Amino acid sequence: MKKKFLLHIFFITIAFVIVWIAAANQKVEVFNKDDLRTLSCGWPLEFATNDQSSKDPPFPWKISCLGGEWGSPIKIHWPQLIIDVLVFYALIVFLWSVCVALNNKIRR
């Protein structure tokens, strides 16, 4: 039982890391200062809003959401972040179950 609990904690941690890496590598195209003021990122749901209006790039411009300097204020939308993590957690559990089932079938 403890082993299974720890396995699911590991899966949740992996899901969180995947969601954060996906958001960190996401590039958002901005077309004006207003887009920089409300820069949203995250996948599949946008869970972070960042104000990078202090920058003055030539428009249109592709900018990283979670990389580099963060503007102020930063807002994390916790329900969306939790849903994103749960989506990837469910996918990981499904893939793990398929691998275990195939492994058991091969052993028989």
PDB file of N, CA and C in Angstrom:
ATOM      1  N   MET A   1       0.824  -1.199   0.000  1.00  0.00           N
ATOM      2  CA  MET A   1       0.000   0.000   0.000  1.00  0.00           C
ATOM      3  C   MET A   1       0.866   1.260   0.000  1.00  0.00           C
ATOM      4  N   LYS A   2       1.896   1.269   0.866  1.00  0.00           N
ATOM      5  CA  LYS A   2       2.775   2.428   0.936  1.00  0.00           C
ATOM      6  C   LYS A   2       3.530   2.622  -0.378  1.00  0.00           C
ATOM      7  N   LYS A   3       3.916   1.500  -0.993  1.00  0.00           N
ATOM      8  CA  LYS A   3       4.633   1.547  -2.262  1.00  0.00           C
ATOM      9  C   LYS A   3       3.754   2.178  -3.352  1.00  0.00           C
ATOM     10  N   LYS A   4       2.476   1.813  -3.373  1.00  0.00           N
ATOM     11  CA  LYS A   4       1.545   2.353  -4.364  1.00  0.00           C
ATOM     12  C   LYS A   4       1.310   3.853  -4.131  1.00  0.00           C
ATOM     13  N   PHE A   5       1.205   4.249  -2.855  1.00  0.00           N
ATOM     14  CA  PHE A   5       1.026   5.663  -2.513  1.00  0.00           C
ATOM     15  C   PHE A   5       2.230   6.476  -2.984  1.00  0.00           C
ATOM     16  N   LEU A   6       3.421   5.985  -2.712  1.00  0.00           N
ATOM     17  CA  LEU A   6       4.637   6.685  -3.134  1.00  0.00           C
ATOM     18  C   LEU A   6       4.743   6.758  -4.661  1.00  0.00           C
ATOM     19  N   LEU A   7       4.287   5.717  -5.328  1.00  0.00           N
ATOM     20  CA  LEU A   7       4.291   5.723  -6.788  1.00  0.00           C
ATOM     21  C   LEU A   7       3.388   6.833  -7.328  1.00  0.00           C
ATOM     22  N   HIS A   8       2.219   7.012  -6.720  1.00  0.00           N
ATOM     23  CA  HIS A   8       1.308   8.064  -7.173  1.00  0.00           C
ATOM     24  C   HIS A   8       1.829   9.461  -6.826  1.00  0.00           C
ATOM     25  N   ILE A   9       2.508   9.603  -5.703  1.00  0.00           N
ATOM     26  CA  ILE A   9       3.160  10.880  -5.379  1.00  0.00           C
ATOM     27  C   ILE A   9       4.223  11.190  -6.430  1.00  0.00           C
ATOM     28  N   PHE A  10       4.970  10.180  -6.822  1.00  0.00           N
ATOM     29  CA  PHE A  10       5.974  10.337  -7.877  1.00  0.00           C
ATOM     30  C   PHE A  10       5.310  10.751  -9.191  1.00  0.00           C
ATOM     31  N   PHE A  11       4.182  10.118  -9.538  1.00  0.00           N
ATOM     32  CA  PHE A  11       3.455  10.466 -10.764  1.00  0.00           C
ATOM     33  C   PHE A  11       2.969  11.916 -10.732  1.00  0.00           C
ATOM     34  N   ILE A  12       2.456  12.362  -9.597  1.00  0.00           N
ATOM     35  CA  ILE A  12       1.986  13.751  -9.477  1.00  0.00           C
ATOM     36  C   ILE A  12       3.156  14.714  -9.635  1.00  0.00           C
ATOM     37  N   THR A  13       4.284  14.368  -9.037  1.00  0.00           N
ATOM     38  CA  THR A  13       5.475  15.218  -9.165  1.00  0.00           C
ATOM     39  C   THR A  13       5.930  15.300 -10.615  1.00  0.00           C
ATOM     40  N   ILE A  14       5.958  14.169 -11.306  1.00  0.00           N
ATOM     41  CA  ILE A  14       6.341  14.148 -12.722  1.00  0.00           C
ATOM     42  C   ILE A  14       5.353  14.980 -13.544  1.00  0.00           C
ATOM     43  N   ALA A  15       4.061  14.861 -13.256  1.00  0.00           N
ATOM     44  CA  ALA A  15       3.047  15.629 -13.983  1.00  0.00           C
ATOM     45  C   ALA A  15       3.254  17.129 -13.779  1.00  0.00           C
ATOM     46  N   PHE A  16       3.562  17.543 -12.549  1.00  0.00           N
ATOM     47  CA  PHE A  16       3.811  18.963 -12.273  1.00  0.00           C
ATOM     48  C   PHE A  16       5.033  19.457 -13.043  1.00  0.00           C
ATOM     49  N   VAL A  17       6.093  18.665 -13.050  1.00  0.00           N
ATOM     50  CA  VAL A  17       7.316  19.056 -13.769  1.00  0.00           C
ATOM     51  C   VAL A  17       7.034  19.178 -15.271  1.00  0.00           C
ATOM     52  N   ILE A  18       6.263  18.253 -15.821  1.00  0.00           N
ATOM     53  CA  ILE A  18       5.927  18.310 -17.246  1.00  0.00           C
ATOM     54  C   ILE A  18       5.142  19.576 -17.560  1.00  0.00           C
ATOM     55  N   VAL A  19       4.156  19.898 -16.719  1.00  0.00           N
ATOM     56  CA  VAL A  19       3.341  21.101 -16.943  1.00  0.00           C
ATOM     57  C   VAL A  19       4.215  22.347 -16.863  1.00  0.00           C
ATOM     58  N   TRP A  20       5.105  22.409 -15.881  1.00  0.00           N
ATOM     59  CA  TRP A  20       5.943  23.593 -15.714  1.00  0.00           C
ATOM     60  C   TRP A  20       6.937  23.736 -16.871  1.00  0.00           C
ATOM     61  N   ILE A  21       7.523  22.624 -17.309  1.00  0.00           N
ATOM     62  CA  ILE A  21       8.463  22.675 -18.438  1.00  0.00           C
ATOM     63  C   ILE A  21       7.740  23.084 -19.719  1.00  0.00           C
ATOM     64  N   ALA A  22       6.532  22.565 -19.921  1.00  0.00           N
ATOM     65  CA  ALA A  22       5.755  22.944 -21.112  1.00  0.00           C
ATOM     66  C   ALA A  22       5.480  24.439 -21.105  1.00  0.00           C
ATOM     67  N   ALA A  23       5.148  24.990 -19.949  1.00  0.00           N
ATOM     68  CA  ALA A  23       4.887  26.436 -19.863  1.00  0.00           C
ATOM     69  C   ALA A  23       6.176  27.236 -20.029  1.00  0.00           C
ATOM     70  N   ALA A  24       7.265  26.747 -19.466  1.00  0.00           N
ATOM     71  CA  ALA A  24       8.538  27.469 -19.556  1.00  0.00           C
ATOM     72  C   ALA A  24       9.051  27.537 -20.986  1.00  0.00           C
ATOM     73  N   ASN A  25       8.767  26.515 -21.774  1.00  0.00           N
ATOM     74  CA  ASN A  25       9.233  26.487 -23.157  1.00  0.00           C
ATOM     75  C   ASN A  25       8.248  27.104 -24.133  1.00  0.00           C
ATOM     76  N   GLN A  26       7.112  27.532 -23.640  1.00  0.00           N
ATOM     77  CA  GLN A  26       6.085  28.116 -24.498  1.00  0.00           C
ATOM     78  C   GLN A  26       6.469  29.532 -24.916  1.00  0.00           C
ATOM     79  N   LYS A  27       6.333  29.804 -26.187  1.00  0.00           N
ATOM     80  CA  LYS A  27       6.574  31.150 -26.716  1.00  0.00           C
ATOM     81  C   LYS A  27       5.230  31.757 -27.092  1.00  0.00           C
ATOM     82  N   VAL A  28       5.018  33.004 -26.679  1.00  0.00           N
ATOM     83  CA  VAL A  28       3.774  33.704 -26.969  1.00  0.00           C
ATOM     84  C   VAL A  28       4.098  34.876 -27.879  1.00  0.00           C
ATOM     85  N   GLU A  29       3.308  35.026 -28.929  1.00  0.00           N
ATOM     86  CA  GLU A  29       3.515  36.146 -29.836  1.00  0.00           C
ATOM     87  C   GLU A  29       2.697  37.332 -29.349  1.00  0.00           C
ATOM     88  N   VAL A  30       3.369  38.461 -29.171  1.00  0.00           N
ATOM     89  CA  VAL A  30       2.697  39.686 -28.735  1.00  0.00           C
ATOM     90  C   VAL A  30       2.718  40.690 -29.875  1.00  0.00           C
ATOM     91  N   PHE A  31       1.642  41.468 -29.945  1.00  0.00           N
ATOM     92  CA  PHE A  31       1.494  42.424 -31.040  1.00  0.00           C
ATOM     93  C   PHE A  31       1.492  43.872 -30.577  1.00  0.00           C
ATOM     94  N   ASN A  32       1.334  44.106 -29.270  1.00  0.00           N
ATOM     95  CA  ASN A  32       1.325  45.470 -28.738  1.00  0.00           C
ATOM     96  C   ASN A  32       1.599  45.448 -27.237  1.00  0.00           C
ATOM     97  N   LYS A  33       1.622  46.632 -26.609  1.00  0.00           N
ATOM     98  CA  LYS A  33       1.906  46.757 -25.177  1.00  0.00           C
ATOM     99  C   LYS A  33       0.840  46.077 -24.327  1.00  0.00           C
ATOM    100  N   ASP A  34      -0.415  46.109 -24.796  1.00  0.00           N
ATOM    101  CA  ASP A  34      -1.484  45.466 -24.024  1.00  0.00           C
ATOM    102  C   ASP A  34      -1.258  43.965 -23.920  1.00  0.00           C
ATOM    103  N   ASP A  35      -0.760  43.352 -25.001  1.00  0.00           N
ATOM    104  CA  ASP A  35      -0.445  41.926 -24.961  1.00  0.00           C
ATOM    105  C   ASP A  35       0.654  41.638 -23.936  1.00  0.00           C
ATOM    106  N   LEU A  36       1.623  42.544 -23.820  1.00  0.00           N
ATOM    107  CA  LEU A  36       2.696  42.362 -22.840  1.00  0.00           C
ATOM    108  C   LEU A  36       2.181  42.504 -21.406  1.00  0.00           C
ATOM    109  N   ARG A  37       1.152  43.337 -21.220  1.00  0.00           N
ATOM    110  CA  ARG A  37       0.580  43.549 -19.893  1.00  0.00           C
ATOM    111  C   ARG A  37      -0.144  42.305 -19.369  1.00  0.00           C
ATOM    112  N   THR A  38      -0.727  41.545 -20.279  1.00  0.00           N
ATOM    113  CA  THR A  38      -1.516  40.377 -19.872  1.00  0.00           C
ATOM    114  C   THR A  38      -0.982  39.117 -20.551  1.00  0.00           C
ATOM    115  N   LEU A  39       0.287  38.872 -20.390  1.00  0.00           N
ATOM    116  CA  LEU A  39       0.928  37.705 -20.987  1.00  0.00           C
ATOM    117  C   LEU A  39       0.506  36.459 -20.218  1.00  0.00           C
ATOM    118  N   SER A  40      -0.218  35.564 -20.887  1.00  0.00           N
ATOM    119  CA  SER A  40      -0.711  34.344 -20.247  1.00  0.00           C
ATOM    120  C   SER A  40       0.002  33.135 -20.816  1.00  0.00           C
ATOM    121  N   CYS A  41       0.313  32.182 -19.936  1.00  0.00           N
ATOM    122  CA  CYS A  41       0.965  30.976 -20.412  1.00  0.00           C
ATOM    123  C   CYS A  41       0.541  29.767 -19.583  1.00  0.00           C
ATOM    124  N   GLY A  42       0.813  28.618 -20.142  1.00  0.00           N
ATOM    125  CA  GLY A  42       0.435  27.345 -19.561  1.00  0.00           C
ATOM    126  C   GLY A  42      -0.210  26.501 -20.638  1.00  0.00           C
ATOM    127  N   TRP A  43      -0.149  25.184 -20.433  1.00  0.00           N
ATOM    128  CA  TRP A  43      -0.767  24.300 -21.412  1.00  0.00           C
ATOM    129  C   TRP A  43      -1.227  23.032 -20.729  1.00  0.00           C
ATOM    130  N   PRO A  44      -2.381  22.510 -20.941  1.00  0.00           N
ATOM    131  CA  PRO A  44      -3.418  22.909 -21.893  1.00  0.00           C
ATOM    132  C   PRO A  44      -4.220  24.126 -21.456  1.00  0.00           C
ATOM    133  N   LEU A  45      -4.305  24.425 -20.163  1.00  0.00           N
ATOM    134  CA  LEU A  45      -4.974  25.649 -19.708  1.00  0.00           C
ATOM    135  C   LEU A  45      -3.931  26.678 -19.303  1.00  0.00           C
ATOM    136  N   GLU A  46      -4.219  27.938 -19.555  1.00  0.00           N
ATOM    137  CA  GLU A  46      -3.289  29.002 -19.158  1.00  0.00           C
ATOM    138  C   GLU A  46      -3.428  29.230 -17.656  1.00  0.00           C
ATOM    139  N   PHE A  47      -2.323  29.057 -16.922  1.00  0.00           N
ATOM    140  CA  PHE A  47      -2.384  29.153 -15.469  1.00  0.00           C
ATOM    141  C   PHE A  47      -1.537  30.276 -14.877  1.00  0.00           C
ATOM    142  N   ALA A  48      -0.784  30.982 -15.692  1.00  0.00           N
ATOM    143  CA  ALA A  48       0.050  32.071 -15.187  1.00  0.00           C
ATOM    144  C   ALA A  48      -0.165  33.318 -16.044  1.00  0.00           C
ATOM    145  N   THR A  49      -0.276  34.442 -15.372  1.00  0.00           N
ATOM    146  CA  THR A  49      -0.386  35.725 -16.051  1.00  0.00           C
ATOM    147  C   THR A  49       0.776  36.586 -15.585  1.00  0.00           C
ATOM    148  N   ASN A  50       1.456  37.186 -16.534  1.00  0.00           N
ATOM    149  CA  ASN A  50       2.665  37.944 -16.251  1.00  0.00           C
ATOM    150  C   ASN A  50       2.571  39.296 -16.932  1.00  0.00           C
ATOM    151  N   ASP A  51       3.040  40.332 -16.244  1.00  0.00           N
ATOM    152  CA  ASP A  51       3.077  41.682 -16.813  1.00  0.00           C
ATOM    153  C   ASP A  51       4.518  41.992 -17.206  1.00  0.00           C
ATOM    154  N   GLN A  52       4.788  41.953 -18.518  1.00  0.00           N
ATOM    155  CA  GLN A  52       6.122  42.278 -19.007  1.00  0.00           C
ATOM    156  C   GLN A  52       6.098  43.572 -19.824  1.00  0.00           C
ATOM    157  N   SER A  53       5.208  44.488 -19.448  1.00  0.00           N
ATOM    158  CA  SER A  53       5.057  45.732 -20.202  1.00  0.00           C
ATOM    159  C   SER A  53       6.258  46.660 -20.053  1.00  0.00           C
ATOM    160  N   SER A  54       7.164  46.345 -19.128  1.00  0.00           N
ATOM    161  CA  SER A  54       8.369  47.168 -18.983  1.00  0.00           C
ATOM    162  C   SER A  54       9.328  46.967 -20.153  1.00  0.00           C
ATOM    163  N   LYS A  55       9.166  45.880 -20.876  1.00  0.00           N
ATOM    164  CA  LYS A  55      10.008  45.621 -22.048  1.00  0.00           C
ATOM    165  C   LYS A  55       9.463  46.408 -23.238  1.00  0.00           C
ATOM    166  N   ASP A  56      10.342  46.713 -24.173  1.00  0.00           N
ATOM    167  CA  ASP A  56       9.940  47.472 -25.353  1.00  0.00           C
ATOM    168  C   ASP A  56      10.488  46.797 -26.620  1.00  0.00           C
ATOM    169  N   PRO A  57       9.969  45.604 -26.938  1.00  0.00           N
ATOM    170  CA  PRO A  57      10.473  44.914 -28.129  1.00  0.00           C
ATOM    171  C   PRO A  57       9.800  45.437 -29.393  1.00  0.00           C
ATOM    172  N   PRO A  58      10.399  45.174 -30.532  1.00  0.00           N
ATOM    173  CA  PRO A  58       9.710  45.496 -31.790  1.00  0.00           C
ATOM    174  C   PRO A  58       8.552  44.515 -31.984  1.00  0.00           C
ATOM    175  N   PHE A  59       7.412  45.019 -32.419  1.00  0.00           N
ATOM    176  CA  PHE A  59       6.233  44.155 -32.585  1.00  0.00           C
ATOM    177  C   PHE A  59       6.069  43.740 -34.029  1.00  0.00           C
ATOM    178  N   PRO A  60       5.565  42.567 -34.341  1.00  0.00           N
ATOM    179  CA  PRO A  60       5.227  41.468 -33.427  1.00  0.00           C
ATOM    180  C   PRO A  60       6.488  40.808 -32.885  1.00  0.00           C
ATOM    181  N   TRP A  61       6.360  40.223 -31.709  1.00  0.00           N
ATOM    182  CA  TRP A  61       7.505  39.667 -31.007  1.00  0.00           C
ATOM    183  C   TRP A  61       7.093  38.384 -30.303  1.00  0.00           C
ATOM    184  N   LYS A  62       7.942  37.354 -30.382  1.00  0.00           N
ATOM    185  CA  LYS A  62       7.697  36.117 -29.631  1.00  0.00           C
ATOM    186  C   LYS A  62       8.510  36.197 -28.345  1.00  0.00           C
ATOM    187  N   ILE A  63       7.818  35.965 -27.232  1.00  0.00           N
ATOM    188  CA  ILE A  63       8.457  36.102 -25.926  1.00  0.00           C
ATOM    189  C   ILE A  63       8.167  34.859 -25.093  1.00  0.00           C
ATOM    190  N   SER A  64       9.113  34.474 -24.266  1.00  0.00           N
ATOM    191  CA  SER A  64       8.940  33.320 -23.390  1.00  0.00           C
ATOM    192  C   SER A  64       8.137  33.733 -22.164  1.00  0.00           C
ATOM    193  N   CYS A  65       7.199  32.900 -21.782  1.00  0.00           N
ATOM    194  CA  CYS A  65       6.346  33.206 -20.633  1.00  0.00           C
ATOM    195  C   CYS A  65       7.073  33.111 -19.305  1.00  0.00           C
ATOM    196  N   LEU A  66       7.708  31.993 -19.074  1.00  0.00           N
ATOM    197  CA  LEU A  66       8.291  31.727 -17.765  1.00  0.00           C
ATOM    198  C   LEU A  66       9.799  31.838 -17.755  1.00  0.00           C
ATOM    199  N   GLY A  67      10.399  32.121 -18.886  1.00  0.00           N
ATOM    200  CA  GLY A  67      11.844  32.237 -18.943  1.00  0.00           C
ATOM    201  C   GLY A  67      12.280  33.686 -18.843  1.00  0.00           C
ATOM    202  N   GLY A  68      13.491  33.890 -18.452  1.00  0.00           N
ATOM    203  CA  GLY A  68      14.036  35.238 -18.378  1.00  0.00           C
ATOM    204  C   GLY A  68      13.478  36.008 -17.191  1.00  0.00           C
ATOM    205  N   GLU A  69      13.466  37.324 -17.321  1.00  0.00           N
ATOM    206  CA  GLU A  69      12.976  38.176 -16.236  1.00  0.00           C
ATOM    207  C   GLU A  69      11.459  38.157 -16.175  1.00  0.00           C
ATOM    208  N   TRP A  70      10.974  38.069 -14.968  1.00  0.00           N
ATOM    209  CA  TRP A  70       9.533  38.149 -14.766  1.00  0.00           C
ATOM    210  C   TRP A  70       9.165  39.589 -14.500  1.00  0.00           C
ATOM    211  N   GLY A  71       8.029  39.958 -15.018  1.00  0.00           N
ATOM    212  CA  GLY A  71       7.518  41.292 -14.743  1.00  0.00           C
ATOM    213  C   GLY A  71       6.806  41.304 -13.403  1.00  0.00           C
ATOM    214  N   SER A  72       6.081  42.372 -13.175  1.00  0.00           N
ATOM    215  CA  SER A  72       5.339  42.489 -11.940  1.00  0.00           C
ATOM    216  C   SER A  72       3.957  42.999 -12.285  1.00  0.00           C
ATOM    217  N   PRO A  73       2.883  42.509 -11.795  1.00  0.00           N
ATOM    218  CA  PRO A  73       2.763  41.382 -10.877  1.00  0.00           C
ATOM    219  C   PRO A  73       2.622  40.053 -11.617  1.00  0.00           C
ATOM    220  N   ILE A  74       2.948  38.986 -10.937  1.00  0.00           N
ATOM    221  CA  ILE A  74       2.791  37.628 -11.460  1.00  0.00           C
ATOM    222  C   ILE A  74       1.592  37.025 -10.758  1.00  0.00           C
ATOM    223  N   LYS A  75       0.714  36.405 -11.513  1.00  0.00           N
ATOM    224  CA  LYS A  75      -0.462  35.778 -10.904  1.00  0.00           C
ATOM    225  C   LYS A  75      -0.542  34.331 -11.381  1.00  0.00           C
ATOM    226  N   ILE A  76      -0.596  33.427 -10.419  1.00  0.00           N
ATOM    227  CA  ILE A  76      -0.793  32.010 -10.722  1.00  0.00           C
ATOM    228  C   ILE A  76      -2.263  31.696 -10.489  1.00  0.00           C
ATOM    229  N   HIS A  77      -2.900  31.112 -11.477  1.00  0.00           N
ATOM    230  CA  HIS A  77      -4.296  30.695 -11.372  1.00  0.00           C
ATOM    231  C   HIS A  77      -4.290  29.229 -10.933  1.00  0.00           C
ATOM    232  N   TRP A  78      -4.452  29.007  -9.644  1.00  0.00           N
ATOM    233  CA  TRP A  78      -4.289  27.676  -9.064  1.00  0.00           C
ATOM    234  C   TRP A  78      -5.261  26.637  -9.603  1.00  0.00           C
ATOM    235  N   PRO A  79      -6.550  26.949  -9.804  1.00  0.00           N
ATOM    236  CA  PRO A  79      -7.447  25.907 -10.347  1.00  0.00           C
ATOM    237  C   PRO A  79      -6.984  25.395 -11.712  1.00  0.00           C
ATOM    238  N   GLN A  80      -6.549  26.298 -12.595  1.00  0.00           N
ATOM    239  CA  GLN A  80      -6.076  25.887 -13.915  1.00  0.00           C
ATOM    240  C   GLN A  80      -4.792  25.069 -13.810  1.00  0.00           C
ATOM    241  N   LEU A  81      -3.888  25.474 -12.921  1.00  0.00           N
ATOM    242  CA  LEU A  81      -2.647  24.723 -12.736  1.00  0.00           C
ATOM    243  C   LEU A  81      -2.949  23.311 -12.228  1.00  0.00           C
ATOM    244  N   ILE A  82      -3.851  23.201 -11.271  1.00  0.00           N
ATOM    245  CA  ILE A  82      -4.210  21.888 -10.721  1.00  0.00           C
ATOM    246  C   ILE A  82      -4.857  21.017 -11.794  1.00  0.00           C
ATOM    247  N   ILE A  83      -5.731  21.602 -12.609  1.00  0.00           N
ATOM    248  CA  ILE A  83      -6.362  20.836 -13.696  1.00  0.00           C
ATOM    249  C   ILE A  83      -5.311  20.358 -14.692  1.00  0.00           C
ATOM    250  N   ASP A  84      -4.371  21.230 -15.056  1.00  0.00           N
ATOM    251  CA  ASP A  84      -3.292  20.828 -15.969  1.00  0.00           C
ATOM    252  C   ASP A  84      -2.506  19.647 -15.396  1.00  0.00           C
ATOM    253  N   VAL A  85      -2.151  19.732 -14.117  1.00  0.00           N
ATOM    254  CA  VAL A  85      -1.387  18.654 -13.481  1.00  0.00           C
ATOM    255  C   VAL A  85      -2.217  17.370 -13.463  1.00  0.00           C
ATOM    256  N   LEU A  86      -3.509  17.476 -13.157  1.00  0.00           N
ATOM    257  CA  LEU A  86      -4.364  16.287 -13.120  1.00  0.00           C
ATOM    258  C   LEU A  86      -4.508  15.636 -14.495  1.00  0.00           C
ATOM    259  N   VAL A  87      -4.548  16.454 -15.546  1.00  0.00           N
ATOM    260  CA  VAL A  87      -4.630  15.896 -16.906  1.00  0.00           C
ATOM    261  C   VAL A  87      -3.387  15.057 -17.202  1.00  0.00           C
ATOM    262  N   PHE A  88      -2.222  15.602 -16.904  1.00  0.00           N
ATOM    263  CA  PHE A  88      -0.991  14.857 -17.169  1.00  0.00           C
ATOM    264  C   PHE A  88      -0.842  13.679 -16.207  1.00  0.00           C
ATOM    265  N   TYR A  89      -1.304  13.826 -14.968  1.00  0.00           N
ATOM    266  CA  TYR A  89      -1.277  12.715 -14.017  1.00  0.00           C
ATOM    267  C   TYR A  89      -2.119  11.555 -14.538  1.00  0.00           C
ATOM    268  N   ALA A  90      -3.322  11.858 -15.033  1.00  0.00           N
ATOM    269  CA  ALA A  90      -4.189  10.811 -15.572  1.00  0.00           C
ATOM    270  C   ALA A  90      -3.533  10.119 -16.768  1.00  0.00           C
ATOM    271  N   LEU A  91      -2.884  10.898 -17.626  1.00  0.00           N
ATOM    272  CA  LEU A  91      -2.186  10.328 -18.775  1.00  0.00           C
ATOM    273  C   LEU A  91      -1.036   9.415 -18.325  1.00  0.00           C
ATOM    274  N   ILE A  92      -0.285   9.849 -17.331  1.00  0.00           N
ATOM    275  CA  ILE A  92       0.829   9.038 -16.822  1.00  0.00           C
ATOM    276  C   ILE A  92       0.315   7.743 -16.202  1.00  0.00           C
ATOM    277  N   VAL A  93      -0.759   7.829 -15.403  1.00  0.00           N
ATOM    278  CA  VAL A  93      -1.323   6.625 -14.784  1.00  0.00           C
ATOM    279  C   VAL A  93      -1.832   5.668 -15.858  1.00  0.00           C
ATOM    280  N   PHE A  94      -2.488   6.211 -16.890  1.00  0.00           N
ATOM    281  CA  PHE A  94      -2.974   5.371 -17.981  1.00  0.00           C
ATOM    282  C   PHE A  94      -1.819   4.659 -18.679  1.00  0.00           C
ATOM    283  N   LEU A  95      -0.781   5.408 -19.023  1.00  0.00           N
ATOM    284  CA  LEU A  95       0.368   4.805 -19.703  1.00  0.00           C
ATOM    285  C   LEU A  95       1.053   3.773 -18.812  1.00  0.00           C
ATOM    286  N   TRP A  96       1.161   4.055 -17.522  1.00  0.00           N
ATOM    287  CA  TRP A  96       1.757   3.105 -16.583  1.00  0.00           C
ATOM    288  C   TRP A  96       0.929   1.815 -16.527  1.00  0.00           C
ATOM    289  N   SER A  97      -0.401   1.956 -16.480  1.00  0.00           N
ATOM    290  CA  SER A  97      -1.287   0.788 -16.433  1.00  0.00           C
ATOM    291  C   SER A  97      -1.158  -0.058 -17.693  1.00  0.00           C
ATOM    292  N   VAL A  98      -1.051   0.611 -18.838  1.00  0.00           N
ATOM    293  CA  VAL A  98      -0.871  -0.117 -20.100  1.00  0.00           C
ATOM    294  C   VAL A  98       0.446  -0.870 -20.094  1.00  0.00           C
ATOM    295  N   CYS A  99       1.514  -0.225 -19.632  1.00  0.00           N
ATOM    296  CA  CYS A  99       2.827  -0.885 -19.582  1.00  0.00           C
ATOM    297  C   CYS A  99       2.805  -2.081 -18.636  1.00  0.00           C
ATOM    298  N   VAL A 100       2.186  -1.936 -17.477  1.00  0.00           N
ATOM    299  CA  VAL A 100       2.102  -3.048 -16.518  1.00  0.00           C
ATOM    300  C   VAL A 100       1.288  -4.198 -17.107  1.00  0.00           C
ATOM    301  N   ALA A 101       0.159  -3.869 -17.758  1.00  0.00           N
ATOM    302  CA  ALA A 101      -0.680  -4.915 -18.362  1.00  0.00           C
ATOM    303  C   ALA A 101       0.067  -5.647 -19.472  1.00  0.00           C
ATOM    304  N   LEU A 102       0.778  -4.917 -20.312  1.00  0.00           N
ATOM    305  CA  LEU A 102       1.564  -5.557 -21.377  1.00  0.00           C
ATOM    306  C   LEU A 102       2.682  -6.411 -20.799  1.00  0.00           C
ATOM    307  N   ASN A 103       3.323  -5.920 -19.759  1.00  0.00           N
ATOM    308  CA  ASN A 103       4.390  -6.682 -19.113  1.00  0.00           C
ATOM    309  C   ASN A 103       3.849  -7.973 -18.516  1.00  0.00           C
ATOM    310  N   ASN A 104       2.695  -7.903 -17.866  1.00  0.00           N
ATOM    311  CA  ASN A 104       2.081  -9.099 -17.302  1.00  0.00           C
ATOM    312  C   ASN A 104       1.658 -10.089 -18.411  1.00  0.00           C
ATOM    313  N   LYS A 105       1.171  -9.567 -19.516  1.00  0.00           N
ATOM    314  CA  LYS A 105       0.748 -10.425 -20.633  1.00  0.00           C
ATOM    315  C   LYS A 105       1.956 -11.132 -21.257  1.00  0.00           C
ATOM    316  N   ILE A 106       3.065 -10.432 -21.375  1.00  0.00           N
ATOM    317  CA  ILE A 106       4.274 -11.018 -21.961  1.00  0.00           C
ATOM    318  C   ILE A 106       4.836 -12.093 -21.047  1.00  0.00           C
ATOM    319  N   ARG A 107       4.767 -11.888 -19.749  1.00  0.00           N
ATOM    320  CA  ARG A 107       5.298 -12.870 -18.803  1.00  0.00           C
ATOM    321  C   ARG A 107       4.508 -14.158 -18.781  1.00  0.00           C
ATOM    322  N   ARG A 108       3.244 -14.128 -19.145  1.00  0.00           N
ATOM    323  CA  ARG A 108       2.391 -15.333 -19.106  1.00  0.00           C
ATOM    324  C   ARG A 108       2.622 -16.185 -20.275  1.00  0.00           C
TER     325      ARG A 108
END
